[in-house]
Amino acid sequence: MPAILAVIALLLLALPSRADEARVRIPAACRELADRAGLPLTLTHEEATRAIAYIRVMISEDPAVARCRLALRD
């Protein structure tokens, strides 16, 4: 549950995207978290940067968060 709230917080903090901005695809290992929060499969570069920073500092026992962190290390 804390992971879901964290991803929702990311969504609320994200700036509105512009149509001409390049989009970044969410890694497959992070899609479960994105699905829980209702995020699209692509984010703007700025949204992705914020999401990565937030995922790295999250304190959670959720296995989906652990998988996402591992995917972001690469």
C-alpha atoms as a PDB file:
ATOM      1  CA  MET A   1       0.000   0.000   0.000  1.00  0.00           C
ATOM      2  CA  PRO A   2       2.780   2.543   0.727  1.00  0.00           C
ATOM      3  CA  ALA A   3       4.161   1.916  -2.756  1.00  0.00           C
ATOM      4  CA  ILE A   4       0.811   2.734  -4.330  1.00  0.00           C
ATOM      5  CA  LEU A   5       0.596   5.975  -2.373  1.00  0.00           C
ATOM      6  CA  ALA A   6       4.148   6.859  -3.366  1.00  0.00           C
ATOM      7  CA  VAL A   7       3.455   6.355  -7.051  1.00  0.00           C
ATOM      8  CA  ILE A   8       0.265   8.395  -6.788  1.00  0.00           C
ATOM      9  CA  ALA A   9       2.307  11.158  -5.147  1.00  0.00           C
ATOM     10  CA  LEU A  10       4.669  11.030  -8.125  1.00  0.00           C
ATOM     11  CA  LEU A  11       1.743  11.475 -10.453  1.00  0.00           C
ATOM     12  CA  LEU A  12       0.504  14.487  -8.516  1.00  0.00           C
ATOM     13  CA  LEU A  13       3.977  16.065  -8.448  1.00  0.00           C
ATOM     14  CA  ALA A  14       4.607  15.589 -12.145  1.00  0.00           C
ATOM     15  CA  LEU A  15       4.318  18.633 -14.350  1.00  0.00           C
ATOM     16  CA  PRO A  16       1.793  18.511 -17.182  1.00  0.00           C
ATOM     17  CA  SER A  17       3.436  17.143 -20.301  1.00  0.00           C
ATOM     18  CA  ARG A  18       3.790  19.098 -23.501  1.00  0.00           C
ATOM     19  CA  ALA A  19       2.935  17.470 -26.828  1.00  0.00           C
ATOM     20  CA  ASP A  20       6.342  18.300 -28.361  1.00  0.00           C
ATOM     21  CA  GLU A  21       8.400  16.798 -25.503  1.00  0.00           C
ATOM     22  CA  ALA A  22      10.188  13.498 -25.963  1.00  0.00           C
ATOM     23  CA  ARG A  23       8.728  10.667 -23.906  1.00  0.00           C
ATOM     24  CA  VAL A  24      10.664   8.064 -21.897  1.00  0.00           C
ATOM     25  CA  ARG A  25       9.364   4.507 -21.698  1.00  0.00           C
ATOM     26  CA  ILE A  26       8.832   3.041 -18.209  1.00  0.00           C
ATOM     27  CA  PRO A  27      11.043  -0.051 -17.703  1.00  0.00           C
ATOM     28  CA  ALA A  28       9.174  -3.365 -17.697  1.00  0.00           C
ATOM     29  CA  ALA A  29      10.228  -4.008 -14.084  1.00  0.00           C
ATOM     30  CA  CYS A  30       8.517  -0.764 -13.014  1.00  0.00           C
ATOM     31  CA  ARG A  31       5.264  -1.236 -14.892  1.00  0.00           C
ATOM     32  CA  GLU A  32       3.484  -2.888 -11.974  1.00  0.00           C
ATOM     33  CA  LEU A  33       3.971   0.262  -9.891  1.00  0.00           C
ATOM     34  CA  ALA A  34       2.933   2.440 -12.823  1.00  0.00           C
ATOM     35  CA  ASP A  35      -0.195   0.339 -13.375  1.00  0.00           C
ATOM     36  CA  ARG A  36      -1.161   0.628  -9.700  1.00  0.00           C
ATOM     37  CA  ALA A  37      -0.984   4.397  -9.942  1.00  0.00           C
ATOM     38  CA  GLY A  38      -2.644   4.601 -13.349  1.00  0.00           C
ATOM     39  CA  LEU A  39       0.429   6.130 -14.989  1.00  0.00           C
ATOM     40  CA  PRO A  40       0.931   5.918 -18.753  1.00  0.00           C
ATOM     41  CA  LEU A  41       3.709   3.708 -20.134  1.00  0.00           C
ATOM     42  CA  THR A  42       5.711   6.775 -21.137  1.00  0.00           C
ATOM     43  CA  LEU A  43       6.703   9.870 -19.175  1.00  0.00           C
ATOM     44  CA  THR A  44       8.397  13.112 -20.079  1.00  0.00           C
ATOM     45  CA  HIS A  45      12.098  13.246 -19.255  1.00  0.00           C
ATOM     46  CA  GLU A  46      11.402  15.506 -16.279  1.00  0.00           C
ATOM     47  CA  GLU A  47       8.649  13.213 -14.941  1.00  0.00           C
ATOM     48  CA  ALA A  48      10.928  10.190 -15.336  1.00  0.00           C
ATOM     49  CA  THR A  49      13.758  11.936 -13.476  1.00  0.00           C
ATOM     50  CA  ARG A  50      11.445  12.740 -10.571  1.00  0.00           C
ATOM     51  CA  ALA A  51      10.017   9.213 -10.523  1.00  0.00           C
ATOM     52  CA  ILE A  52      13.495   7.653 -10.461  1.00  0.00           C
ATOM     53  CA  ALA A  53      14.612   9.905  -7.625  1.00  0.00           C
ATOM     54  CA  TYR A  54      11.509   9.084  -5.616  1.00  0.00           C
ATOM     55  CA  ILE A  55      11.740   5.313  -6.198  1.00  0.00           C
ATOM     56  CA  ARG A  56      15.360   5.352  -5.011  1.00  0.00           C
ATOM     57  CA  VAL A  57      14.495   6.936  -1.653  1.00  0.00           C
ATOM     58  CA  MET A  58      11.286   5.006  -0.986  1.00  0.00           C
ATOM     59  CA  ILE A  59      11.238   2.812   2.103  1.00  0.00           C
ATOM     60  CA  SER A  60       9.131  -0.199   1.266  1.00  0.00           C
ATOM     61  CA  GLU A  61       8.988  -3.956   1.659  1.00  0.00           C
ATOM     62  CA  ASP A  62       7.050  -4.179  -1.616  1.00  0.00           C
ATOM     63  CA  PRO A  63       8.760  -6.591  -4.058  1.00  0.00           C
ATOM     64  CA  ALA A  64       7.623  -4.424  -6.991  1.00  0.00           C
ATOM     65  CA  VAL A  65       9.648  -1.516  -5.604  1.00  0.00           C
ATOM     66  CA  ALA A  66      12.711  -3.773  -5.241  1.00  0.00           C
ATOM     67  CA  ARG A  67      12.369  -4.990  -8.862  1.00  0.00           C
ATOM     68  CA  CYS A  68      12.018  -1.430 -10.110  1.00  0.00           C
ATOM     69  CA  ARG A  69      15.097  -0.291  -8.171  1.00  0.00           C
ATOM     70  CA  LEU A  70      17.136  -3.137  -9.702  1.00  0.00           C
ATOM     71  CA  ALA A  71      15.998  -2.136 -13.183  1.00  0.00           C
ATOM     72  CA  LEU A  72      16.997   1.476 -12.558  1.00  0.00           C
ATOM     73  CA  ARG A  73      20.551   0.509 -11.526  1.00  0.00           C
ATOM     74  CA  ASP A  74      21.418  -0.484 -15.092  1.00  0.00           C
END
